C-alpha atoms as a PDB file:
ATOM      1  CA  UNK A   1      22.430 -26.336 -56.970  1.00  0.00           C
ATOM      2  CA  UNK A   2      22.301 -26.283 -53.104  1.00  0.00           C
ATOM      3  CA  UNK A   3      19.554 -28.423 -51.286  1.00  0.00           C
ATOM      4  CA  UNK A   4      16.692 -26.244 -50.091  1.00  0.00           C
ATOM      5  CA  UNK A   5      16.663 -28.608 -47.167  1.00  0.00           C
ATOM      6  CA  UNK A   6      16.987 -26.617 -43.678  1.00  0.00           C
ATOM      7  CA  UNK A   7      16.976 -29.919 -41.561  1.00  0.00           C
ATOM      8  CA  UNK A   8      13.522 -29.156 -40.119  1.00  0.00           C
ATOM      9  CA  UNK A   9      11.992 -32.386 -41.740  1.00  0.00           C
ATOM     10  CA  UNK A  10       8.399 -32.290 -40.101  1.00  0.00           C
ATOM     11  CA  UNK A  11       5.723 -33.036 -42.574  1.00  0.00           C
ATOM     12  CA  UNK A  12       2.201 -31.651 -42.932  1.00  0.00           C
ATOM     13  CA  UNK A  13      -0.085 -34.766 -42.638  1.00  0.00           C
ATOM     14  CA  UNK A  14      -2.350 -33.500 -45.300  1.00  0.00           C
ATOM     15  CA  UNK A  15      -0.255 -32.882 -48.058  1.00  0.00           C
ATOM     16  CA  UNK A  16       3.123 -34.291 -47.257  1.00  0.00           C
ATOM     17  CA  UNK A  17       5.117 -31.393 -47.528  1.00  0.00           C
ATOM     18  CA  UNK A  18       7.959 -30.735 -45.303  1.00  0.00           C
ATOM     19  CA  UNK A  19       6.950 -27.619 -43.102  1.00  0.00           C
ATOM     20  CA  UNK A  20      10.934 -26.476 -43.358  1.00  0.00           C
ATOM     21  CA  UNK A  21      11.653 -26.536 -46.992  1.00  0.00           C
ATOM     22  CA  UNK A  22       8.286 -27.886 -48.807  1.00  0.00           C
ATOM     23  CA  UNK A  23       9.809 -30.992 -50.394  1.00  0.00           C
ATOM     24  CA  UNK A  24       8.069 -34.317 -50.026  1.00  0.00           C
ATOM     25  CA  UNK A  25       9.724 -37.473 -48.960  1.00  0.00           C
ATOM     26  CA  UNK A  26       9.765 -38.530 -52.583  1.00  0.00           C
ATOM     27  CA  UNK A  27      11.315 -35.070 -53.806  1.00  0.00           C
ATOM     28  CA  UNK A  28      14.241 -35.472 -51.127  1.00  0.00           C
ATOM     29  CA  UNK A  29      14.834 -39.023 -52.751  1.00  0.00           C
ATOM     30  CA  UNK A  30      14.752 -37.399 -56.515  1.00  0.00           C
ATOM     31  CA  UNK A  31      16.774 -34.355 -55.135  1.00  0.00           C
ATOM     32  CA  UNK A  32      19.539 -36.988 -54.157  1.00  0.00           C
ATOM     33  CA  UNK A  33      19.392 -39.341 -57.268  1.00  0.00           C
ATOM     34  CA  UNK A  34      18.090 -37.383 -60.146  1.00  0.00           C
ATOM     35  CA  UNK A  35      20.121 -34.080 -60.572  1.00  0.00           C
ATOM     36  CA  UNK A  36      18.290 -33.097 -63.703  1.00  0.00           C
ATOM     37  CA  UNK A  37      14.937 -32.883 -61.512  1.00  0.00           C
ATOM     38  CA  UNK A  38      16.315 -30.234 -59.133  1.00  0.00           C
ATOM     39  CA  UNK A  39      15.221 -27.209 -60.804  1.00  0.00           C
ATOM     40  CA  UNK A  40      11.660 -28.814 -61.395  1.00  0.00           C
ATOM     41  CA  UNK A  41      11.447 -29.456 -57.669  1.00  0.00           C
ATOM     42  CA  UNK A  42      12.907 -26.110 -56.641  1.00  0.00           C
ATOM     43  CA  UNK A  43      10.363 -24.203 -58.678  1.00  0.00           C
ATOM     44  CA  UNK A  44       7.458 -25.568 -56.794  1.00  0.00           C
ATOM     45  CA  UNK A  45       8.572 -25.024 -53.302  1.00  0.00           C
ATOM     46  CA  UNK A  46       7.804 -21.294 -52.700  1.00  0.00           C
ATOM     47  CA  UNK A  47       4.256 -21.949 -53.349  1.00  0.00           C
ATOM     48  CA  UNK A  48       3.994 -25.068 -51.374  1.00  0.00           C
ATOM     49  CA  UNK A  49       5.373 -22.925 -48.444  1.00  0.00           C
ATOM     50  CA  UNK A  50       3.092 -20.058 -49.054  1.00  0.00           C
ATOM     51  CA  UNK A  51       0.100 -22.474 -49.170  1.00  0.00           C
ATOM     52  CA  UNK A  52       1.111 -24.073 -45.850  1.00  0.00           C
ATOM     53  CA  UNK A  53       1.382 -20.584 -44.408  1.00  0.00           C
ATOM     54  CA  UNK A  54      -2.022 -19.373 -45.430  1.00  0.00           C
ATOM     55  CA  UNK A  55      -3.546 -22.604 -43.874  1.00  0.00           C
ATOM     56  CA  UNK A  56      -2.050 -21.560 -40.510  1.00  0.00           C
ATOM     57  CA  UNK A  57       1.344 -23.674 -40.562  1.00  0.00           C
ATOM     58  CA  UNK A  58       4.538 -22.406 -39.053  1.00  0.00           C
ATOM     59  CA  UNK A  59       7.151 -22.791 -41.956  1.00  0.00           C
ATOM     60  CA  UNK A  60      10.566 -22.559 -42.538  1.00  0.00           C
ATOM     61  CA  UNK A  61      13.056 -22.567 -39.496  1.00  0.00           C
ATOM     62  CA  UNK A  62      10.454 -21.638 -37.299  1.00  0.00           C
ATOM     63  CA  UNK A  63       8.902 -25.054 -37.844  1.00  0.00           C
ATOM     64  CA  UNK A  64      11.772 -26.635 -36.432  1.00  0.00           C
ATOM     65  CA  UNK A  65      11.408 -25.253 -33.001  1.00  0.00           C
ATOM     66  CA  UNK A  66       9.545 -27.350 -30.499  1.00  0.00           C
ATOM     67  CA  UNK A  67       6.482 -25.970 -29.254  1.00  0.00           C
ATOM     68  CA  UNK A  68       6.658 -24.732 -25.608  1.00  0.00           C
ATOM     69  CA  UNK A  69       4.152 -25.855 -23.153  1.00  0.00           C
ATOM     70  CA  UNK A  70       2.553 -22.901 -21.358  1.00  0.00           C
ATOM     71  CA  UNK A  71       2.806 -23.270 -17.619  1.00  0.00           C
ATOM     72  CA  UNK A  72      -0.057 -22.018 -15.739  1.00  0.00           C
ATOM     73  CA  UNK A  73       1.356 -19.526 -13.405  1.00  0.00           C
ATOM     74  CA  UNK A  74       0.101 -19.198  -9.789  1.00  0.00           C
ATOM     75  CA  UNK A  75      -2.224 -16.024  -9.743  1.00  0.00           C
ATOM     76  CA  UNK A  76      -0.986 -13.425  -7.328  1.00  0.00           C
ATOM     77  CA  UNK A  77      -3.972 -12.388  -5.437  1.00  0.00           C
ATOM     78  CA  UNK A  78      -4.703  -8.560  -5.599  1.00  0.00           C
ATOM     79  CA  UNK A  79      -4.039  -6.514  -2.599  1.00  0.00           C
ATOM     80  CA  UNK A  80      -7.159  -5.574  -0.774  1.00  0.00           C
ATOM     81  CA  UNK A  81      -7.144  -2.027   0.248  1.00  0.00           C
END
């Protein structure tokens, strides 16, 4: 079974869930060491990601993109006519 990890590895502070795949740090350790737990771990991930998205978090691959700082552009004066 392939890992659900998509190399985002940014965690929600309140839940501890990865914004990319939904796993916790403990889930990731169990995934590597306890193969029999993989179906159990994978089963809860869609619900976690949906809950994060409903709370306004960016999830999936988009969560791995760095937020761009908005530049304040110089306002162009309106031509006076």
